[in-house]
């Protein structure tokens, strides 16, 4: 990968093998992540959301003792906050998974190709 980045594409087949290997590792890691369940709660702790590693809402629980003082508008906001917190947890876990993959030729200098997606879509930044 380094020779290709330096403008010496003398080992294109090696580069393609590395890219294919990384794509396979990424696919496997994403498949494993789909099976995970990640949680988030609203700031009051009244609502807990569970999402899959792909971001799909799997469970939503409301603690009746803590939600007694919430009117319908604050309860709705608590639900949204819990889901957003669960998605943020999912984004953090995705970052861990991506960082755990060895990117061919990265040598610590290559930018994460999914960084923008993680930051903009999953974390809402």
C-alpha atoms as a PDB file:
ATOM      1  CA  UNK A   1       0.000   0.000   0.000  1.00  0.00           C
ATOM      2  CA  UNK A   2       2.836   2.383   0.839  1.00  0.00           C
ATOM      3  CA  UNK A   3       4.485   1.884  -2.545  1.00  0.00           C
ATOM      4  CA  UNK A   4       1.185   2.620  -4.278  1.00  0.00           C
ATOM      5  CA  UNK A   5       0.675   5.753  -2.161  1.00  0.00           C
ATOM      6  CA  UNK A   6       4.200   6.876  -3.075  1.00  0.00           C
ATOM      7  CA  UNK A   7       3.305   6.733  -6.766  1.00  0.00           C
ATOM      8  CA  UNK A   8       4.922   3.358  -7.428  1.00  0.00           C
ATOM      9  CA  UNK A   9       2.002   1.125  -8.437  1.00  0.00           C
ATOM     10  CA  UNK A  10       4.385  -1.754  -9.158  1.00  0.00           C
ATOM     11  CA  UNK A  11       2.471  -4.197  -6.987  1.00  0.00           C
ATOM     12  CA  UNK A  12      -1.138  -3.596  -7.950  1.00  0.00           C
ATOM     13  CA  UNK A  13      -2.111  -7.224  -7.364  1.00  0.00           C
ATOM     14  CA  UNK A  14      -0.703  -7.014  -3.831  1.00  0.00           C
ATOM     15  CA  UNK A  15      -2.649  -3.822  -3.242  1.00  0.00           C
ATOM     16  CA  UNK A  16      -5.852  -5.466  -4.441  1.00  0.00           C
ATOM     17  CA  UNK A  17      -5.259  -8.468  -2.157  1.00  0.00           C
ATOM     18  CA  UNK A  18      -4.745  -6.160   0.812  1.00  0.00           C
ATOM     19  CA  UNK A  19      -7.865  -4.167  -0.021  1.00  0.00           C
ATOM     20  CA  UNK A  20      -9.897  -7.345  -0.440  1.00  0.00           C
ATOM     21  CA  UNK A  21      -8.609  -8.672   2.871  1.00  0.00           C
ATOM     22  CA  UNK A  22      -9.509  -5.445   4.652  1.00  0.00           C
ATOM     23  CA  UNK A  23     -12.960  -5.359   3.022  1.00  0.00           C
ATOM     24  CA  UNK A  24     -13.568  -8.927   4.200  1.00  0.00           C
ATOM     25  CA  UNK A  25     -12.474  -8.062   7.736  1.00  0.00           C
ATOM     26  CA  UNK A  26     -14.713  -4.983   7.699  1.00  0.00           C
ATOM     27  CA  UNK A  27     -17.671  -7.009   6.457  1.00  0.00           C
ATOM     28  CA  UNK A  28     -17.179  -9.591   9.195  1.00  0.00           C
ATOM     29  CA  UNK A  29     -16.810  -6.935  11.870  1.00  0.00           C
ATOM     30  CA  UNK A  30     -19.969  -5.150  10.702  1.00  0.00           C
ATOM     31  CA  UNK A  31     -21.867  -8.440  10.711  1.00  0.00           C
ATOM     32  CA  UNK A  32     -20.737  -9.086  14.278  1.00  0.00           C
ATOM     33  CA  UNK A  33     -21.692  -5.551  15.266  1.00  0.00           C
ATOM     34  CA  UNK A  34     -25.226  -6.097  13.930  1.00  0.00           C
ATOM     35  CA  UNK A  35     -25.699  -8.740  16.630  1.00  0.00           C
ATOM     36  CA  UNK A  36     -24.741  -6.422  19.483  1.00  0.00           C
ATOM     37  CA  UNK A  37     -27.238  -4.542  21.619  1.00  0.00           C
ATOM     38  CA  UNK A  38     -26.245  -1.074  22.800  1.00  0.00           C
ATOM     39  CA  UNK A  39     -28.021   1.039  25.391  1.00  0.00           C
ATOM     40  CA  UNK A  40     -28.654   4.663  26.135  1.00  0.00           C
ATOM     41  CA  UNK A  41     -30.712   6.511  28.720  1.00  0.00           C
ATOM     42  CA  UNK A  42     -32.137   9.983  28.958  1.00  0.00           C
ATOM     43  CA  UNK A  43     -30.541  12.345  31.513  1.00  0.00           C
ATOM     44  CA  UNK A  44     -33.225  11.632  34.131  1.00  0.00           C
ATOM     45  CA  UNK A  45     -32.806   7.879  33.802  1.00  0.00           C
ATOM     46  CA  UNK A  46     -36.536   7.435  33.238  1.00  0.00           C
ATOM     47  CA  UNK A  47     -36.217   6.042  29.715  1.00  0.00           C
ATOM     48  CA  UNK A  48     -33.811   3.386  28.438  1.00  0.00           C
ATOM     49  CA  UNK A  49     -33.399   2.574  24.749  1.00  0.00           C
ATOM     50  CA  UNK A  50     -31.649  -0.440  23.243  1.00  0.00           C
ATOM     51  CA  UNK A  51     -30.501  -0.404  19.616  1.00  0.00           C
ATOM     52  CA  UNK A  52     -28.828  -3.006  17.439  1.00  0.00           C
ATOM     53  CA  UNK A  53     -25.324  -2.456  16.122  1.00  0.00           C
ATOM     54  CA  UNK A  54     -26.968  -1.252  12.920  1.00  0.00           C
ATOM     55  CA  UNK A  55     -28.981   1.405  14.747  1.00  0.00           C
ATOM     56  CA  UNK A  56     -32.381  -0.298  14.765  1.00  0.00           C
ATOM     57  CA  UNK A  57     -34.445   0.326  17.900  1.00  0.00           C
ATOM     58  CA  UNK A  58     -34.841  -2.997  19.722  1.00  0.00           C
ATOM     59  CA  UNK A  59     -36.338  -2.034  23.073  1.00  0.00           C
ATOM     60  CA  UNK A  60     -37.635   0.980  24.921  1.00  0.00           C
ATOM     61  CA  UNK A  61     -38.429   0.912  28.609  1.00  0.00           C
ATOM     62  CA  UNK A  62     -39.918   3.612  30.773  1.00  0.00           C
ATOM     63  CA  UNK A  63     -39.449   3.482  34.535  1.00  0.00           C
ATOM     64  CA  UNK A  64     -42.893   4.333  35.942  1.00  0.00           C
ATOM     65  CA  UNK A  65     -41.437   5.621  39.212  1.00  0.00           C
ATOM     66  CA  UNK A  66     -39.130   8.084  37.487  1.00  0.00           C
ATOM     67  CA  UNK A  67     -41.572   9.146  34.788  1.00  0.00           C
ATOM     68  CA  UNK A  68     -44.413  10.189  37.134  1.00  0.00           C
ATOM     69  CA  UNK A  69     -43.253  13.781  37.135  1.00  0.00           C
ATOM     70  CA  UNK A  70     -42.932  13.992  33.352  1.00  0.00           C
ATOM     71  CA  UNK A  71     -45.762  15.443  31.304  1.00  0.00           C
ATOM     72  CA  UNK A  72     -46.327  14.085  27.806  1.00  0.00           C
ATOM     73  CA  UNK A  73     -43.964  16.594  26.177  1.00  0.00           C
ATOM     74  CA  UNK A  74     -41.094  15.919  28.599  1.00  0.00           C
ATOM     75  CA  UNK A  75     -41.683  12.175  28.320  1.00  0.00           C
ATOM     76  CA  UNK A  76     -41.512  12.396  24.527  1.00  0.00           C
ATOM     77  CA  UNK A  77     -38.259  14.346  24.813  1.00  0.00           C
ATOM     78  CA  UNK A  78     -36.893  11.751  27.259  1.00  0.00           C
ATOM     79  CA  UNK A  79     -37.663   9.016  24.717  1.00  0.00           C
ATOM     80  CA  UNK A  80     -35.840  10.950  21.986  1.00  0.00           C
ATOM     81  CA  UNK A  81     -32.888  11.590  24.305  1.00  0.00           C
ATOM     82  CA  UNK A  82     -32.613   7.913  25.233  1.00  0.00           C
ATOM     83  CA  UNK A  83     -32.668   6.834  21.584  1.00  0.00           C
ATOM     84  CA  UNK A  84     -30.049   9.465  20.705  1.00  0.00           C
ATOM     85  CA  UNK A  85     -27.870   8.258  23.586  1.00  0.00           C
ATOM     86  CA  UNK A  86     -28.170   4.664  22.371  1.00  0.00           C
ATOM     87  CA  UNK A  87     -27.183   5.738  18.859  1.00  0.00           C
ATOM     88  CA  UNK A  88     -24.198   7.635  20.281  1.00  0.00           C
ATOM     89  CA  UNK A  89     -23.145   4.462  22.106  1.00  0.00           C
ATOM     90  CA  UNK A  90     -23.496   2.572  18.835  1.00  0.00           C
ATOM     91  CA  UNK A  91     -21.314   5.155  17.077  1.00  0.00           C
ATOM     92  CA  UNK A  92     -18.643   4.799  19.761  1.00  0.00           C
ATOM     93  CA  UNK A  93     -18.742   1.025  19.417  1.00  0.00           C
ATOM     94  CA  UNK A  94     -18.446   1.332  15.641  1.00  0.00           C
ATOM     95  CA  UNK A  95     -15.361   3.495  16.096  1.00  0.00           C
ATOM     96  CA  UNK A  96     -13.857   0.790  18.334  1.00  0.00           C
ATOM     97  CA  UNK A  97     -14.583  -1.880  15.738  1.00  0.00           C
ATOM     98  CA  UNK A  98     -13.036   0.175  12.920  1.00  0.00           C
ATOM     99  CA  UNK A  99      -9.982   1.046  15.008  1.00  0.00           C
ATOM    100  CA  UNK A 100      -9.535  -2.660  15.739  1.00  0.00           C
ATOM    101  CA  UNK A 101      -9.167  -3.445  12.051  1.00  0.00           C
ATOM    102  CA  UNK A 102      -5.730  -3.166  10.545  1.00  0.00           C
ATOM    103  CA  UNK A 103      -6.040  -0.893   7.543  1.00  0.00           C
ATOM    104  CA  UNK A 104      -3.504  -1.961   4.899  1.00  0.00           C
ATOM    105  CA  UNK A 105      -0.609   0.472   4.762  1.00  0.00           C
ATOM    106  CA  UNK A 106      -2.143   2.787   7.327  1.00  0.00           C
ATOM    107  CA  UNK A 107       0.985   2.952   9.498  1.00  0.00           C
ATOM    108  CA  UNK A 108      -0.811   5.439  11.714  1.00  0.00           C
ATOM    109  CA  UNK A 109      -0.916   8.157   9.072  1.00  0.00           C
ATOM    110  CA  UNK A 110      -3.969   7.300   6.973  1.00  0.00           C
ATOM    111  CA  UNK A 111      -7.274   8.862   7.912  1.00  0.00           C
ATOM    112  CA  UNK A 112     -10.152   6.590   8.816  1.00  0.00           C
ATOM    113  CA  UNK A 113     -12.275   6.309   5.670  1.00  0.00           C
ATOM    114  CA  UNK A 114     -15.459   6.040   7.755  1.00  0.00           C
ATOM    115  CA  UNK A 115     -14.701   8.924  10.118  1.00  0.00           C
ATOM    116  CA  UNK A 116     -17.028  11.370   8.371  1.00  0.00           C
ATOM    117  CA  UNK A 117     -19.861   8.861   8.327  1.00  0.00           C
ATOM    118  CA  UNK A 118     -19.444   8.082  12.005  1.00  0.00           C
ATOM    119  CA  UNK A 119     -19.171  11.726  13.007  1.00  0.00           C
ATOM    120  CA  UNK A 120     -21.935  13.127  10.797  1.00  0.00           C
ATOM    121  CA  UNK A 121     -24.501  10.351  10.627  1.00  0.00           C
ATOM    122  CA  UNK A 122     -24.202   8.318  13.791  1.00  0.00           C
ATOM    123  CA  UNK A 123     -23.161  10.961  16.279  1.00  0.00           C
ATOM    124  CA  UNK A 124     -25.097  13.811  14.704  1.00  0.00           C
ATOM    125  CA  UNK A 125     -22.138  16.189  14.744  1.00  0.00           C
END
